[in-house]
């Protein structure tokens, strides 16, 4: 007996062999749930990217870029963001809750970690660079913000604007909007010429110049309910060959106009030094009591002198 095989086609094909003439090829109608479409709004999960081994590159010279419509968001990440390098490792990974960028924001890392302990980092970067010969530098975070203000308009510019806010009913042991630390690697023998936790570079005025240029400006910190309001609190250094709480007016190798030493002063002395004279000489501020019959001084009065 000769059995014939019957072949059927799904509805919509109608025996057409040309792919461009097939119907029901829209993303939703085709129901290809295992694939990502560039023309529709959808959530791309980590599973879709990993299972299909899809590499997302942002402006990478070796691959395509992801670009959104001018009026929409460039990219919304609903779970994890992982940037893979060419060697198969990952350059960065951030576990975040759903983020909702607005019309004025290009990238938002938001959401909530919930009521859990531990330290969480919304954005962690750890670049590593080696200099084998010549000269090299590494800038872990670099940016340049440019604001152009047309005639008749006003504007303001902050290169870095960050707000650290505490809430709840517990105890916040520390709040720092900017927290920094410098260090040297264990067992390293590198020569460090200059080290500063905060370095305010000299401004560059190519064109217009402000009436007031300040390296560090601290607004008033007093408010109702605050016990002690301090514009700048500098803890006294210790452990070095020379310990200076404040050195102002010249580099360390020069002659300061004002110097405040650390440590404990001797009897009748202070830790304050002032520059005096046309060719300035740094002199310690201290006091003296000439006692009864001491010229024009009255016993018990103290006169500050430079010595």
C-alpha atoms as a PDB file:
ATOM      1  CA  UNK A   1       0.000   0.000   0.000  1.00  0.00           C
ATOM      2  CA  UNK A   2       1.276   3.392  -0.945  1.00  0.00           C
ATOM      3  CA  UNK A   3       0.622   5.943   1.782  1.00  0.00           C
ATOM      4  CA  UNK A   4       0.675   9.550   0.715  1.00  0.00           C
ATOM      5  CA  UNK A   5       2.020  12.236   3.034  1.00  0.00           C
ATOM      6  CA  UNK A   6      -0.180  15.278   3.410  1.00  0.00           C
ATOM      7  CA  UNK A   7       1.592  18.607   4.041  1.00  0.00           C
ATOM      8  CA  UNK A   8      -0.316  21.535   5.515  1.00  0.00           C
ATOM      9  CA  UNK A   9       0.613  25.215   5.832  1.00  0.00           C
ATOM     10  CA  UNK A  10      -0.419  27.550   8.608  1.00  0.00           C
ATOM     11  CA  UNK A  11      -3.087  30.091   7.763  1.00  0.00           C
ATOM     12  CA  UNK A  12      -1.731  33.261   6.248  1.00  0.00           C
ATOM     13  CA  UNK A  13       1.070  31.677   4.217  1.00  0.00           C
ATOM     14  CA  UNK A  14      -1.200  30.696   1.287  1.00  0.00           C
ATOM     15  CA  UNK A  15       1.657  28.819  -0.368  1.00  0.00           C
ATOM     16  CA  UNK A  16       3.833  31.930  -0.737  1.00  0.00           C
ATOM     17  CA  UNK A  17       7.552  31.164  -0.772  1.00  0.00           C
ATOM     18  CA  UNK A  18       8.778  34.780  -0.842  1.00  0.00           C
ATOM     19  CA  UNK A  19       9.386  35.915   2.767  1.00  0.00           C
ATOM     20  CA  UNK A  20       8.513  39.541   2.019  1.00  0.00           C
ATOM     21  CA  UNK A  21       5.038  38.491   0.810  1.00  0.00           C
ATOM     22  CA  UNK A  22       4.119  36.559   3.956  1.00  0.00           C
ATOM     23  CA  UNK A  23       1.412  38.010   6.207  1.00  0.00           C
ATOM     24  CA  UNK A  24       1.173  38.229  10.006  1.00  0.00           C
ATOM     25  CA  UNK A  25       4.848  39.063  10.397  1.00  0.00           C
ATOM     26  CA  UNK A  26       4.298  41.825  12.948  1.00  0.00           C
ATOM     27  CA  UNK A  27       6.107  41.273  16.253  1.00  0.00           C
ATOM     28  CA  UNK A  28       2.920  40.855  18.270  1.00  0.00           C
ATOM     29  CA  UNK A  29       1.128  38.740  15.638  1.00  0.00           C
ATOM     30  CA  UNK A  30       4.113  36.489  15.031  1.00  0.00           C
ATOM     31  CA  UNK A  31       4.382  35.829  18.784  1.00  0.00           C
ATOM     32  CA  UNK A  32       8.136  35.324  18.637  1.00  0.00           C
ATOM     33  CA  UNK A  33       8.482  35.783  22.393  1.00  0.00           C
ATOM     34  CA  UNK A  34      12.065  34.542  22.423  1.00  0.00           C
ATOM     35  CA  UNK A  35      13.310  37.439  20.334  1.00  0.00           C
ATOM     36  CA  UNK A  36      13.683  41.162  20.837  1.00  0.00           C
ATOM     37  CA  UNK A  37      12.209  43.673  18.452  1.00  0.00           C
ATOM     38  CA  UNK A  38      13.797  47.057  17.776  1.00  0.00           C
ATOM     39  CA  UNK A  39      10.496  48.578  16.691  1.00  0.00           C
ATOM     40  CA  UNK A  40       8.330  47.962  19.739  1.00  0.00           C
ATOM     41  CA  UNK A  41       8.277  49.034  23.382  1.00  0.00           C
ATOM     42  CA  UNK A  42       9.108  46.010  25.513  1.00  0.00           C
ATOM     43  CA  UNK A  43      11.046  44.867  28.548  1.00  0.00           C
ATOM     44  CA  UNK A  44      14.254  43.053  27.622  1.00  0.00           C
ATOM     45  CA  UNK A  45      15.030  40.668  30.452  1.00  0.00           C
ATOM     46  CA  UNK A  46      18.447  39.377  31.400  1.00  0.00           C
ATOM     47  CA  UNK A  47      17.336  35.873  30.405  1.00  0.00           C
ATOM     48  CA  UNK A  48      16.636  36.985  26.846  1.00  0.00           C
ATOM     49  CA  UNK A  49      20.069  38.523  26.537  1.00  0.00           C
ATOM     50  CA  UNK A  50      21.948  35.621  28.118  1.00  0.00           C
ATOM     51  CA  UNK A  51      20.043  32.831  26.346  1.00  0.00           C
ATOM     52  CA  UNK A  52      20.554  34.427  22.938  1.00  0.00           C
ATOM     53  CA  UNK A  53      24.100  35.621  23.706  1.00  0.00           C
ATOM     54  CA  UNK A  54      23.165  39.098  22.528  1.00  0.00           C
ATOM     55  CA  UNK A  55      25.819  41.764  23.099  1.00  0.00           C
ATOM     56  CA  UNK A  56      24.622  45.306  23.696  1.00  0.00           C
ATOM     57  CA  UNK A  57      27.143  47.952  22.797  1.00  0.00           C
ATOM     58  CA  UNK A  58      26.697  51.662  23.370  1.00  0.00           C
ATOM     59  CA  UNK A  59      28.666  53.583  20.757  1.00  0.00           C
ATOM     60  CA  UNK A  60      31.191  50.743  20.443  1.00  0.00           C
ATOM     61  CA  UNK A  61      33.300  50.889  17.288  1.00  0.00           C
ATOM     62  CA  UNK A  62      33.142  47.111  16.803  1.00  0.00           C
ATOM     63  CA  UNK A  63      29.374  46.793  16.860  1.00  0.00           C
ATOM     64  CA  UNK A  64      25.998  48.490  16.503  1.00  0.00           C
ATOM     65  CA  UNK A  65      24.594  51.069  18.849  1.00  0.00           C
ATOM     66  CA  UNK A  66      21.249  51.305  20.599  1.00  0.00           C
ATOM     67  CA  UNK A  67      19.463  54.542  19.829  1.00  0.00           C
ATOM     68  CA  UNK A  68      15.989  55.596  20.873  1.00  0.00           C
ATOM     69  CA  UNK A  69      13.618  58.071  19.339  1.00  0.00           C
ATOM     70  CA  UNK A  70      14.528  61.723  19.987  1.00  0.00           C
ATOM     71  CA  UNK A  71      11.405  62.274  22.071  1.00  0.00           C
ATOM     72  CA  UNK A  72      11.717  59.050  24.087  1.00  0.00           C
ATOM     73  CA  UNK A  73      14.053  57.326  26.497  1.00  0.00           C
ATOM     74  CA  UNK A  74      17.260  55.872  25.144  1.00  0.00           C
ATOM     75  CA  UNK A  75      17.213  52.854  27.442  1.00  0.00           C
ATOM     76  CA  UNK A  76      15.167  51.711  30.436  1.00  0.00           C
ATOM     77  CA  UNK A  77      16.643  48.906  32.537  1.00  0.00           C
ATOM     78  CA  UNK A  78      14.216  46.884  34.629  1.00  0.00           C
ATOM     79  CA  UNK A  79      16.546  44.518  36.481  1.00  0.00           C
ATOM     80  CA  UNK A  80      20.283  44.052  36.004  1.00  0.00           C
ATOM     81  CA  UNK A  81      22.815  45.906  33.867  1.00  0.00           C
ATOM     82  CA  UNK A  82      25.957  44.055  32.910  1.00  0.00           C
ATOM     83  CA  UNK A  83      28.607  45.410  30.552  1.00  0.00           C
ATOM     84  CA  UNK A  84      30.648  42.540  29.143  1.00  0.00           C
ATOM     85  CA  UNK A  85      34.174  42.963  27.865  1.00  0.00           C
ATOM     86  CA  UNK A  86      35.564  41.167  24.817  1.00  0.00           C
ATOM     87  CA  UNK A  87      37.351  38.563  26.954  1.00  0.00           C
ATOM     88  CA  UNK A  88      34.103  37.211  28.371  1.00  0.00           C
ATOM     89  CA  UNK A  89      34.277  38.868  31.772  1.00  0.00           C
ATOM     90  CA  UNK A  90      32.161  41.745  32.932  1.00  0.00           C
ATOM     91  CA  UNK A  91      33.226  45.348  33.269  1.00  0.00           C
ATOM     92  CA  UNK A  92      30.396  46.386  35.543  1.00  0.00           C
ATOM     93  CA  UNK A  93      27.212  45.070  37.116  1.00  0.00           C
ATOM     94  CA  UNK A  94      24.546  46.901  39.053  1.00  0.00           C
ATOM     95  CA  UNK A  95      21.531  45.255  40.682  1.00  0.00           C
ATOM     96  CA  UNK A  96      18.841  47.889  40.584  1.00  0.00           C
ATOM     97  CA  UNK A  97      15.100  48.119  40.866  1.00  0.00           C
ATOM     98  CA  UNK A  98      12.998  49.486  37.987  1.00  0.00           C
ATOM     99  CA  UNK A  99      14.215  52.919  36.959  1.00  0.00           C
ATOM    100  CA  UNK A 100      11.973  55.505  35.340  1.00  0.00           C
ATOM    101  CA  UNK A 101      13.878  58.210  33.445  1.00  0.00           C
ATOM    102  CA  UNK A 102      12.065  61.432  32.691  1.00  0.00           C
ATOM    103  CA  UNK A 103      12.247  63.630  29.617  1.00  0.00           C
ATOM    104  CA  UNK A 104      15.269  65.533  30.988  1.00  0.00           C
ATOM    105  CA  UNK A 105      17.369  62.577  32.164  1.00  0.00           C
ATOM    106  CA  UNK A 106      19.420  60.248  29.994  1.00  0.00           C
ATOM    107  CA  UNK A 107      20.088  57.509  32.554  1.00  0.00           C
ATOM    108  CA  UNK A 108      18.490  56.815  35.931  1.00  0.00           C
ATOM    109  CA  UNK A 109      19.575  54.181  38.439  1.00  0.00           C
ATOM    110  CA  UNK A 110      16.740  54.185  40.938  1.00  0.00           C
ATOM    111  CA  UNK A 111      14.397  51.963  42.848  1.00  0.00           C
ATOM    112  CA  UNK A 112      14.658  50.586  46.394  1.00  0.00           C
ATOM    113  CA  UNK A 113      16.836  47.912  47.966  1.00  0.00           C
ATOM    114  CA  UNK A 114      14.230  47.330  50.641  1.00  0.00           C
ATOM    115  CA  UNK A 115      14.669  46.939  54.393  1.00  0.00           C
ATOM    116  CA  UNK A 116      17.868  44.889  54.348  1.00  0.00           C
ATOM    117  CA  UNK A 117      21.225  45.376  56.037  1.00  0.00           C
ATOM    118  CA  UNK A 118      24.669  45.682  54.573  1.00  0.00           C
ATOM    119  CA  UNK A 119      26.289  48.177  52.249  1.00  0.00           C
ATOM    120  CA  UNK A 120      24.839  48.634  48.776  1.00  0.00           C
ATOM    121  CA  UNK A 121      26.424  50.494  45.887  1.00  0.00           C
ATOM    122  CA  UNK A 122      24.105  51.841  43.225  1.00  0.00           C
ATOM    123  CA  UNK A 123      27.056  52.430  40.919  1.00  0.00           C
ATOM    124  CA  UNK A 124      30.481  50.892  41.507  1.00  0.00           C
ATOM    125  CA  UNK A 125      33.413  51.403  39.151  1.00  0.00           C
ATOM    126  CA  UNK A 126      36.848  49.827  39.587  1.00  0.00           C
ATOM    127  CA  UNK A 127      39.061  50.608  36.589  1.00  0.00           C
ATOM    128  CA  UNK A 128      42.590  49.179  36.562  1.00  0.00           C
ATOM    129  CA  UNK A 129      45.469  50.520  34.502  1.00  0.00           C
ATOM    130  CA  UNK A 130      49.183  49.718  34.350  1.00  0.00           C
ATOM    131  CA  UNK A 131      51.914  52.005  33.021  1.00  0.00           C
ATOM    132  CA  UNK A 132      54.808  49.916  31.712  1.00  0.00           C
ATOM    133  CA  UNK A 133      56.818  52.696  30.071  1.00  0.00           C
ATOM    134  CA  UNK A 134      56.618  56.430  29.533  1.00  0.00           C
ATOM    135  CA  UNK A 135      53.870  58.339  31.303  1.00  0.00           C
ATOM    136  CA  UNK A 136      50.229  57.526  31.881  1.00  0.00           C
ATOM    137  CA  UNK A 137      47.258  58.611  33.960  1.00  0.00           C
ATOM    138  CA  UNK A 138      43.933  57.178  35.066  1.00  0.00           C
ATOM    139  CA  UNK A 139      40.760  59.158  35.722  1.00  0.00           C
ATOM    140  CA  UNK A 140      38.199  56.874  37.311  1.00  0.00           C
ATOM    141  CA  UNK A 141      35.339  59.298  36.690  1.00  0.00           C
ATOM    142  CA  UNK A 142      35.650  62.060  34.116  1.00  0.00           C
ATOM    143  CA  UNK A 143      33.110  64.472  32.807  1.00  0.00           C
ATOM    144  CA  UNK A 144      32.742  67.852  31.201  1.00  0.00           C
ATOM    145  CA  UNK A 145      29.481  69.761  31.403  1.00  0.00           C
ATOM    146  CA  UNK A 146      29.044  72.682  29.022  1.00  0.00           C
ATOM    147  CA  UNK A 147      26.205  75.188  29.397  1.00  0.00           C
ATOM    148  CA  UNK A 148      25.570  77.715  26.646  1.00  0.00           C
ATOM    149  CA  UNK A 149      23.408  80.675  27.688  1.00  0.00           C
ATOM    150  CA  UNK A 150      21.922  82.845  24.970  1.00  0.00           C
ATOM    151  CA  UNK A 151      21.670  86.604  25.321  1.00  0.00           C
ATOM    152  CA  UNK A 152      18.832  87.579  27.624  1.00  0.00           C
ATOM    153  CA  UNK A 153      18.682  84.172  29.313  1.00  0.00           C
ATOM    154  CA  UNK A 154      20.008  83.015  32.690  1.00  0.00           C
ATOM    155  CA  UNK A 155      21.350  79.690  33.839  1.00  0.00           C
ATOM    156  CA  UNK A 156      23.483  77.885  36.406  1.00  0.00           C
ATOM    157  CA  UNK A 157      25.988  75.059  36.082  1.00  0.00           C
ATOM    158  CA  UNK A 158      27.241  72.437  38.513  1.00  0.00           C
ATOM    159  CA  UNK A 159      29.825  69.933  37.383  1.00  0.00           C
ATOM    160  CA  UNK A 160      28.774  67.589  40.179  1.00  0.00           C
ATOM    161  CA  UNK A 161      25.441  67.942  41.976  1.00  0.00           C
ATOM    162  CA  UNK A 162      24.666  65.323  44.598  1.00  0.00           C
ATOM    163  CA  UNK A 163      22.255  65.266  47.542  1.00  0.00           C
ATOM    164  CA  UNK A 164      22.679  62.754  50.386  1.00  0.00           C
ATOM    165  CA  UNK A 165      19.474  62.554  52.430  1.00  0.00           C
ATOM    166  CA  UNK A 166      18.725  60.500  55.539  1.00  0.00           C
ATOM    167  CA  UNK A 167      15.263  59.462  56.652  1.00  0.00           C
ATOM    168  CA  UNK A 168      13.428  57.211  59.071  1.00  0.00           C
ATOM    169  CA  UNK A 169      13.550  57.281  62.874  1.00  0.00           C
ATOM    170  CA  UNK A 170      16.866  55.610  63.616  1.00  0.00           C
ATOM    171  CA  UNK A 171      20.380  57.035  63.999  1.00  0.00           C
ATOM    172  CA  UNK A 172      22.450  58.197  61.047  1.00  0.00           C
ATOM    173  CA  UNK A 173      26.024  58.006  62.312  1.00  0.00           C
ATOM    174  CA  UNK A 174      27.348  59.882  59.266  1.00  0.00           C
ATOM    175  CA  UNK A 175      26.033  61.807  56.276  1.00  0.00           C
ATOM    176  CA  UNK A 176      28.485  62.937  53.598  1.00  0.00           C
ATOM    177  CA  UNK A 177      27.406  64.203  50.207  1.00  0.00           C
ATOM    178  CA  UNK A 178      30.986  63.696  48.987  1.00  0.00           C
ATOM    179  CA  UNK A 179      33.229  61.143  50.693  1.00  0.00           C
ATOM    180  CA  UNK A 180      36.747  60.569  49.492  1.00  0.00           C
ATOM    181  CA  UNK A 181      39.942  58.814  50.535  1.00  0.00           C
ATOM    182  CA  UNK A 182      43.421  58.450  49.099  1.00  0.00           C
ATOM    183  CA  UNK A 183      45.619  55.399  49.602  1.00  0.00           C
ATOM    184  CA  UNK A 184      48.673  53.527  48.370  1.00  0.00           C
ATOM    185  CA  UNK A 185      48.687  49.838  47.509  1.00  0.00           C
ATOM    186  CA  UNK A 186      50.148  47.341  49.980  1.00  0.00           C
ATOM    187  CA  UNK A 187      53.909  46.793  49.565  1.00  0.00           C
ATOM    188  CA  UNK A 188      54.077  49.407  46.784  1.00  0.00           C
ATOM    189  CA  UNK A 189      57.258  51.463  46.451  1.00  0.00           C
ATOM    190  CA  UNK A 190      55.882  54.110  44.094  1.00  0.00           C
ATOM    191  CA  UNK A 191      57.088  57.665  44.683  1.00  0.00           C
ATOM    192  CA  UNK A 192      54.153  59.952  45.451  1.00  0.00           C
ATOM    193  CA  UNK A 193      54.954  63.618  44.861  1.00  0.00           C
ATOM    194  CA  UNK A 194      51.627  65.128  45.927  1.00  0.00           C
ATOM    195  CA  UNK A 195      48.507  63.657  47.505  1.00  0.00           C
ATOM    196  CA  UNK A 196      45.244  65.431  48.246  1.00  0.00           C
ATOM    197  CA  UNK A 197      41.827  64.052  49.133  1.00  0.00           C
ATOM    198  CA  UNK A 198      40.231  67.135  47.606  1.00  0.00           C
ATOM    199  CA  UNK A 199      42.082  69.155  44.973  1.00  0.00           C
ATOM    200  CA  UNK A 200      40.557  72.374  43.651  1.00  0.00           C
ATOM    201  CA  UNK A 201      42.360  73.071  40.384  1.00  0.00           C
ATOM    202  CA  UNK A 202      43.061  76.594  39.180  1.00  0.00           C
ATOM    203  CA  UNK A 203      40.209  77.892  36.995  1.00  0.00           C
ATOM    204  CA  UNK A 204      40.678  78.495  33.280  1.00  0.00           C
ATOM    205  CA  UNK A 205      39.165  81.756  32.068  1.00  0.00           C
ATOM    206  CA  UNK A 206      39.382  81.794  28.270  1.00  0.00           C
ATOM    207  CA  UNK A 207      36.809  84.542  27.920  1.00  0.00           C
ATOM    208  CA  UNK A 208      34.576  86.244  30.462  1.00  0.00           C
ATOM    209  CA  UNK A 209      35.773  86.372  34.053  1.00  0.00           C
ATOM    210  CA  UNK A 210      33.659  86.452  37.230  1.00  0.00           C
ATOM    211  CA  UNK A 211      33.796  89.245  39.775  1.00  0.00           C
ATOM    212  CA  UNK A 212      34.529  86.627  42.475  1.00  0.00           C
ATOM    213  CA  UNK A 213      36.381  83.331  42.034  1.00  0.00           C
ATOM    214  CA  UNK A 214      36.605  81.029  45.070  1.00  0.00           C
ATOM    215  CA  UNK A 215      38.354  77.691  45.405  1.00  0.00           C
ATOM    216  CA  UNK A 216      36.046  76.548  48.197  1.00  0.00           C
ATOM    217  CA  UNK A 217      32.794  78.221  49.204  1.00  0.00           C
ATOM    218  CA  UNK A 218      30.824  77.031  52.232  1.00  0.00           C
ATOM    219  CA  UNK A 219      27.340  78.379  52.774  1.00  0.00           C
ATOM    220  CA  UNK A 220      26.037  79.107  56.300  1.00  0.00           C
ATOM    221  CA  UNK A 221      25.247  75.839  58.051  1.00  0.00           C
ATOM    222  CA  UNK A 222      23.346  77.183  61.049  1.00  0.00           C
ATOM    223  CA  UNK A 223      19.672  76.322  61.521  1.00  0.00           C
ATOM    224  CA  UNK A 224      17.157  76.138  64.342  1.00  0.00           C
ATOM    225  CA  UNK A 225      17.789  72.995  66.366  1.00  0.00           C
ATOM    226  CA  UNK A 226      21.452  72.661  65.367  1.00  0.00           C
ATOM    227  CA  UNK A 227      23.756  72.704  68.394  1.00  0.00           C
ATOM    228  CA  UNK A 228      27.048  73.585  66.714  1.00  0.00           C
ATOM    229  CA  UNK A 229      27.246  75.019  63.198  1.00  0.00           C
ATOM    230  CA  UNK A 230      30.744  75.057  61.695  1.00  0.00           C
ATOM    231  CA  UNK A 231      31.657  76.350  58.258  1.00  0.00           C
ATOM    232  CA  UNK A 232      34.843  74.276  58.042  1.00  0.00           C
ATOM    233  CA  UNK A 233      35.999  71.759  60.646  1.00  0.00           C
ATOM    234  CA  UNK A 234      39.553  70.514  60.212  1.00  0.00           C
ATOM    235  CA  UNK A 235      40.665  67.835  62.628  1.00  0.00           C
ATOM    236  CA  UNK A 236      44.236  68.267  63.824  1.00  0.00           C
ATOM    237  CA  UNK A 237      46.673  66.041  61.896  1.00  0.00           C
ATOM    238  CA  UNK A 238      49.159  63.819  63.700  1.00  0.00           C
ATOM    239  CA  UNK A 239      51.905  61.319  62.998  1.00  0.00           C
ATOM    240  CA  UNK A 240      53.849  63.292  60.377  1.00  0.00           C
ATOM    241  CA  UNK A 241      57.216  64.996  60.778  1.00  0.00           C
ATOM    242  CA  UNK A 242      55.508  68.396  60.738  1.00  0.00           C
ATOM    243  CA  UNK A 243      51.799  68.648  61.553  1.00  0.00           C
ATOM    244  CA  UNK A 244      49.949  71.751  60.375  1.00  0.00           C
ATOM    245  CA  UNK A 245      46.205  72.148  60.817  1.00  0.00           C
ATOM    246  CA  UNK A 246      46.113  75.137  58.421  1.00  0.00           C
ATOM    247  CA  UNK A 247      48.739  76.405  55.978  1.00  0.00           C
ATOM    248  CA  UNK A 248      47.544  79.330  53.886  1.00  0.00           C
ATOM    249  CA  UNK A 249      49.128  81.779  51.482  1.00  0.00           C
ATOM    250  CA  UNK A 250      51.875  79.685  49.885  1.00  0.00           C
ATOM    251  CA  UNK A 251      52.866  76.087  49.069  1.00  0.00           C
ATOM    252  CA  UNK A 252      54.411  74.048  51.879  1.00  0.00           C
ATOM    253  CA  UNK A 253      57.882  74.843  50.599  1.00  0.00           C
ATOM    254  CA  UNK A 254      57.142  78.593  50.675  1.00  0.00           C
ATOM    255  CA  UNK A 255      56.353  81.114  53.400  1.00  0.00           C
ATOM    256  CA  UNK A 256      52.739  80.992  54.567  1.00  0.00           C
ATOM    257  CA  UNK A 257      50.810  84.118  55.468  1.00  0.00           C
ATOM    258  CA  UNK A 258      48.913  82.129  58.081  1.00  0.00           C
ATOM    259  CA  UNK A 259      49.837  78.875  59.790  1.00  0.00           C
ATOM    260  CA  UNK A 260      48.071  76.943  62.510  1.00  0.00           C
ATOM    261  CA  UNK A 261      50.107  74.119  63.967  1.00  0.00           C
ATOM    262  CA  UNK A 262      48.784  70.940  65.536  1.00  0.00           C
ATOM    263  CA  UNK A 263      49.701  69.575  68.919  1.00  0.00           C
ATOM    264  CA  UNK A 264      49.887  71.265  72.324  1.00  0.00           C
ATOM    265  CA  UNK A 265      51.452  74.733  72.743  1.00  0.00           C
ATOM    266  CA  UNK A 266      53.938  75.578  75.458  1.00  0.00           C
ATOM    267  CA  UNK A 267      53.077  77.912  78.339  1.00  0.00           C
ATOM    268  CA  UNK A 268      52.345  81.418  77.084  1.00  0.00           C
ATOM    269  CA  UNK A 269      52.289  80.306  73.439  1.00  0.00           C
ATOM    270  CA  UNK A 270      49.621  79.622  70.856  1.00  0.00           C
ATOM    271  CA  UNK A 271      49.656  77.419  67.753  1.00  0.00           C
ATOM    272  CA  UNK A 272      49.026  80.438  65.508  1.00  0.00           C
ATOM    273  CA  UNK A 273      51.736  81.923  63.294  1.00  0.00           C
ATOM    274  CA  UNK A 274      51.460  85.079  61.197  1.00  0.00           C
ATOM    275  CA  UNK A 275      53.656  86.480  58.428  1.00  0.00           C
ATOM    276  CA  UNK A 276      55.078  89.893  59.410  1.00  0.00           C
ATOM    277  CA  UNK A 277      57.112  92.480  57.539  1.00  0.00           C
ATOM    278  CA  UNK A 278      57.726  93.500  53.912  1.00  0.00           C
ATOM    279  CA  UNK A 279      59.825  90.388  53.410  1.00  0.00           C
ATOM    280  CA  UNK A 280      57.488  88.198  55.458  1.00  0.00           C
ATOM    281  CA  UNK A 281      58.802  86.267  58.414  1.00  0.00           C
ATOM    282  CA  UNK A 282      56.550  83.764  60.112  1.00  0.00           C
ATOM    283  CA  UNK A 283      56.237  84.610  63.814  1.00  0.00           C
ATOM    284  CA  UNK A 284      54.433  82.797  66.589  1.00  0.00           C
ATOM    285  CA  UNK A 285      51.552  84.527  68.336  1.00  0.00           C
ATOM    286  CA  UNK A 286      51.918  84.354  72.123  1.00  0.00           C
ATOM    287  CA  UNK A 287      51.113  86.434  75.161  1.00  0.00           C
ATOM    288  CA  UNK A 288      53.021  88.046  78.000  1.00  0.00           C
ATOM    289  CA  UNK A 289      52.131  89.537  81.377  1.00  0.00           C
ATOM    290  CA  UNK A 290      54.542  92.332  82.332  1.00  0.00           C
ATOM    291  CA  UNK A 291      53.181  92.347  85.887  1.00  0.00           C
ATOM    292  CA  UNK A 292      52.871  95.275  88.289  1.00  0.00           C
ATOM    293  CA  UNK A 293      55.054  98.269  87.442  1.00  0.00           C
ATOM    294  CA  UNK A 294      55.796  96.987  83.953  1.00  0.00           C
ATOM    295  CA  UNK A 295      56.011 100.311  82.129  1.00  0.00           C
ATOM    296  CA  UNK A 296      52.630 101.441  80.778  1.00  0.00           C
ATOM    297  CA  UNK A 297      51.026  98.046  81.339  1.00  0.00           C
ATOM    298  CA  UNK A 298      48.664  97.309  84.169  1.00  0.00           C
ATOM    299  CA  UNK A 299      49.262  94.188  86.172  1.00  0.00           C
ATOM    300  CA  UNK A 300      47.213  91.250  84.922  1.00  0.00           C
ATOM    301  CA  UNK A 301      46.809  92.577  81.374  1.00  0.00           C
ATOM    302  CA  UNK A 302      48.089  90.388  78.557  1.00  0.00           C
ATOM    303  CA  UNK A 303      49.599  91.712  75.358  1.00  0.00           C
ATOM    304  CA  UNK A 304      49.909  89.635  72.230  1.00  0.00           C
ATOM    305  CA  UNK A 305      53.313  89.908  70.582  1.00  0.00           C
ATOM    306  CA  UNK A 306      55.119  88.396  67.597  1.00  0.00           C
ATOM    307  CA  UNK A 307      58.363  86.614  68.426  1.00  0.00           C
END
